[in-house]
Amino acid sequence: MTDLLTGAICMGSLIVALFFLRFWRDSGDRFFLYFAASFFIEGLHRLYAALANANAEDSPLHYLIRLLAYGLILWAILEKNLPRERDRK
């Protein structure tokens, strides 16, 4: 049952990444690109966790991958809210 839920979360993350890629292609805003990369990393992480030993999910590698994915989301939000060069003039 756990593998089924992990697969569903993996599939959902990858589909959300594709949606954000489409939004990025339509708008050209890097905000959507960072979100797509984050969800893509999270989906691949879930796939890796399902294929590897599920009991070893407390290893530092799992936390670093999640830190990277969530860091991309935080960076996207910060970059979106920072004043731009053209706005300062």
C-alpha atoms as a PDB file:
ATOM      1  CA  MET A   1       0.000   0.000   0.000  1.00  0.00           C
ATOM      2  CA  THR A   2       2.861   2.361   0.799  1.00  0.00           C
ATOM      3  CA  ASP A   3       4.394   1.826  -2.635  1.00  0.00           C
ATOM      4  CA  LEU A   4       1.056   2.626  -4.266  1.00  0.00           C
ATOM      5  CA  LEU A   5       0.757   5.927  -2.388  1.00  0.00           C
ATOM      6  CA  THR A   6       4.394   6.785  -3.082  1.00  0.00           C
ATOM      7  CA  GLY A   7       3.808   6.145  -6.776  1.00  0.00           C
ATOM      8  CA  ALA A   8       0.713   8.340  -6.750  1.00  0.00           C
ATOM      9  CA  ILE A   9       2.607  11.174  -5.049  1.00  0.00           C
ATOM     10  CA  CYS A  10       5.451  10.762  -7.556  1.00  0.00           C
ATOM     11  CA  MET A  11       3.045  10.892 -10.490  1.00  0.00           C
ATOM     12  CA  GLY A  12       1.235  13.891  -9.035  1.00  0.00           C
ATOM     13  CA  SER A  13       4.483  15.784  -8.495  1.00  0.00           C
ATOM     14  CA  LEU A  14       5.638  15.132 -12.037  1.00  0.00           C
ATOM     15  CA  ILE A  15       2.275  16.206 -13.487  1.00  0.00           C
ATOM     16  CA  VAL A  16       2.352  19.428 -11.455  1.00  0.00           C
ATOM     17  CA  ALA A  17       5.889  20.028 -12.776  1.00  0.00           C
ATOM     18  CA  LEU A  18       4.571  19.700 -16.322  1.00  0.00           C
ATOM     19  CA  PHE A  19       1.805  22.215 -15.595  1.00  0.00           C
ATOM     20  CA  PHE A  20       4.335  24.719 -14.252  1.00  0.00           C
ATOM     21  CA  LEU A  21       6.523  24.157 -17.315  1.00  0.00           C
ATOM     22  CA  ARG A  22       3.546  25.005 -19.506  1.00  0.00           C
ATOM     23  CA  PHE A  23       2.873  28.171 -17.496  1.00  0.00           C
ATOM     24  CA  TRP A  24       6.556  29.114 -17.802  1.00  0.00           C
ATOM     25  CA  ARG A  25       6.468  28.556 -21.569  1.00  0.00           C
ATOM     26  CA  ASP A  26       3.380  30.748 -21.921  1.00  0.00           C
ATOM     27  CA  SER A  27       4.534  33.573 -19.644  1.00  0.00           C
ATOM     28  CA  GLY A  28       8.327  33.351 -19.638  1.00  0.00           C
ATOM     29  CA  ASP A  29       8.331  34.028 -15.868  1.00  0.00           C
ATOM     30  CA  ARG A  30      11.165  32.239 -14.032  1.00  0.00           C
ATOM     31  CA  PHE A  31       8.883  31.825 -11.021  1.00  0.00           C
ATOM     32  CA  PHE A  32       7.111  28.977 -12.813  1.00  0.00           C
ATOM     33  CA  LEU A  33      10.405  27.451 -13.936  1.00  0.00           C
ATOM     34  CA  TYR A  34      11.658  27.265 -10.335  1.00  0.00           C
ATOM     35  CA  PHE A  35       8.410  25.687  -9.210  1.00  0.00           C
ATOM     36  CA  ALA A  36       8.575  23.161 -12.068  1.00  0.00           C
ATOM     37  CA  ALA A  37      12.138  22.243 -11.126  1.00  0.00           C
ATOM     38  CA  SER A  38      11.149  21.863  -7.487  1.00  0.00           C
ATOM     39  CA  PHE A  39       8.244  19.543  -8.219  1.00  0.00           C
ATOM     40  CA  PHE A  40      10.334  17.590 -10.720  1.00  0.00           C
ATOM     41  CA  ILE A  41      13.038  17.048  -8.081  1.00  0.00           C
ATOM     42  CA  GLU A  42      10.405  16.029  -5.541  1.00  0.00           C
ATOM     43  CA  GLY A  43       8.840  13.556  -7.989  1.00  0.00           C
ATOM     44  CA  LEU A  44      12.199  11.990  -8.782  1.00  0.00           C
ATOM     45  CA  HIS A  45      12.953  11.821  -5.078  1.00  0.00           C
ATOM     46  CA  ARG A  46       9.734   9.899  -4.450  1.00  0.00           C
ATOM     47  CA  LEU A  47      10.619   7.515  -7.270  1.00  0.00           C
ATOM     48  CA  TYR A  48      14.096   7.018  -5.824  1.00  0.00           C
ATOM     49  CA  ALA A  49      12.658   6.442  -2.340  1.00  0.00           C
ATOM     50  CA  ALA A  50      10.225   3.831  -3.684  1.00  0.00           C
ATOM     51  CA  LEU A  51      12.888   1.954  -5.626  1.00  0.00           C
ATOM     52  CA  ALA A  52      15.526   2.138  -2.888  1.00  0.00           C
ATOM     53  CA  ASN A  53      15.215   0.768   0.601  1.00  0.00           C
ATOM     54  CA  ALA A  54      12.175   2.505   2.109  1.00  0.00           C
ATOM     55  CA  ASN A  55      13.457   2.048   5.656  1.00  0.00           C
ATOM     56  CA  ALA A  56      16.501   4.256   4.984  1.00  0.00           C
ATOM     57  CA  GLU A  57      14.518   7.438   4.469  1.00  0.00           C
ATOM     58  CA  ASP A  58      16.196   9.067   7.456  1.00  0.00           C
ATOM     59  CA  SER A  59      19.525   9.304   5.627  1.00  0.00           C
ATOM     60  CA  PRO A  60      21.002  12.773   5.015  1.00  0.00           C
ATOM     61  CA  LEU A  61      20.626  12.363   1.233  1.00  0.00           C
ATOM     62  CA  HIS A  62      16.835  12.375   1.488  1.00  0.00           C
ATOM     63  CA  TYR A  63      16.868  15.527   3.588  1.00  0.00           C
ATOM     64  CA  LEU A  64      19.285  17.287   1.241  1.00  0.00           C
ATOM     65  CA  ILE A  65      17.130  16.505  -1.789  1.00  0.00           C
ATOM     66  CA  ARG A  66      14.058  17.854  -0.009  1.00  0.00           C
ATOM     67  CA  LEU A  67      16.018  20.900   1.142  1.00  0.00           C
ATOM     68  CA  LEU A  68      16.980  21.602  -2.467  1.00  0.00           C
ATOM     69  CA  ALA A  69      13.384  21.263  -3.677  1.00  0.00           C
ATOM     70  CA  TYR A  70      11.924  23.471  -0.946  1.00  0.00           C
ATOM     71  CA  GLY A  71      14.809  25.916  -1.288  1.00  0.00           C
ATOM     72  CA  LEU A  72      13.891  26.398  -4.943  1.00  0.00           C
ATOM     73  CA  ILE A  73      10.343  27.273  -3.931  1.00  0.00           C
ATOM     74  CA  LEU A  74      11.580  29.766  -1.359  1.00  0.00           C
ATOM     75  CA  TRP A  75      14.006  31.297  -3.857  1.00  0.00           C
ATOM     76  CA  ALA A  76      11.231  31.647  -6.444  1.00  0.00           C
ATOM     77  CA  ILE A  77       9.047  33.497  -3.948  1.00  0.00           C
ATOM     78  CA  LEU A  78      11.895  35.741  -2.822  1.00  0.00           C
ATOM     79  CA  GLU A  79      12.989  36.520  -6.361  1.00  0.00           C
ATOM     80  CA  LYS A  80       9.433  37.357  -7.377  1.00  0.00           C
ATOM     81  CA  ASN A  81       9.082  39.825  -4.510  1.00  0.00           C
ATOM     82  CA  LEU A  82      12.496  41.497  -4.789  1.00  0.00           C
ATOM     83  CA  PRO A  83      12.513  44.887  -6.508  1.00  0.00           C
ATOM     84  CA  ARG A  84      13.700  44.669 -10.090  1.00  0.00           C
ATOM     85  CA  GLU A  85      16.350  46.828 -11.707  1.00  0.00           C
ATOM     86  CA  ARG A  86      13.827  48.645 -13.910  1.00  0.00           C
ATOM     87  CA  ASP A  87      11.532  49.307 -10.923  1.00  0.00           C
ATOM     88  CA  ARG A  88      14.275  51.145  -9.036  1.00  0.00           C
ATOM     89  CA  LYS A  89      14.714  53.814 -11.743  1.00  0.00           C
END
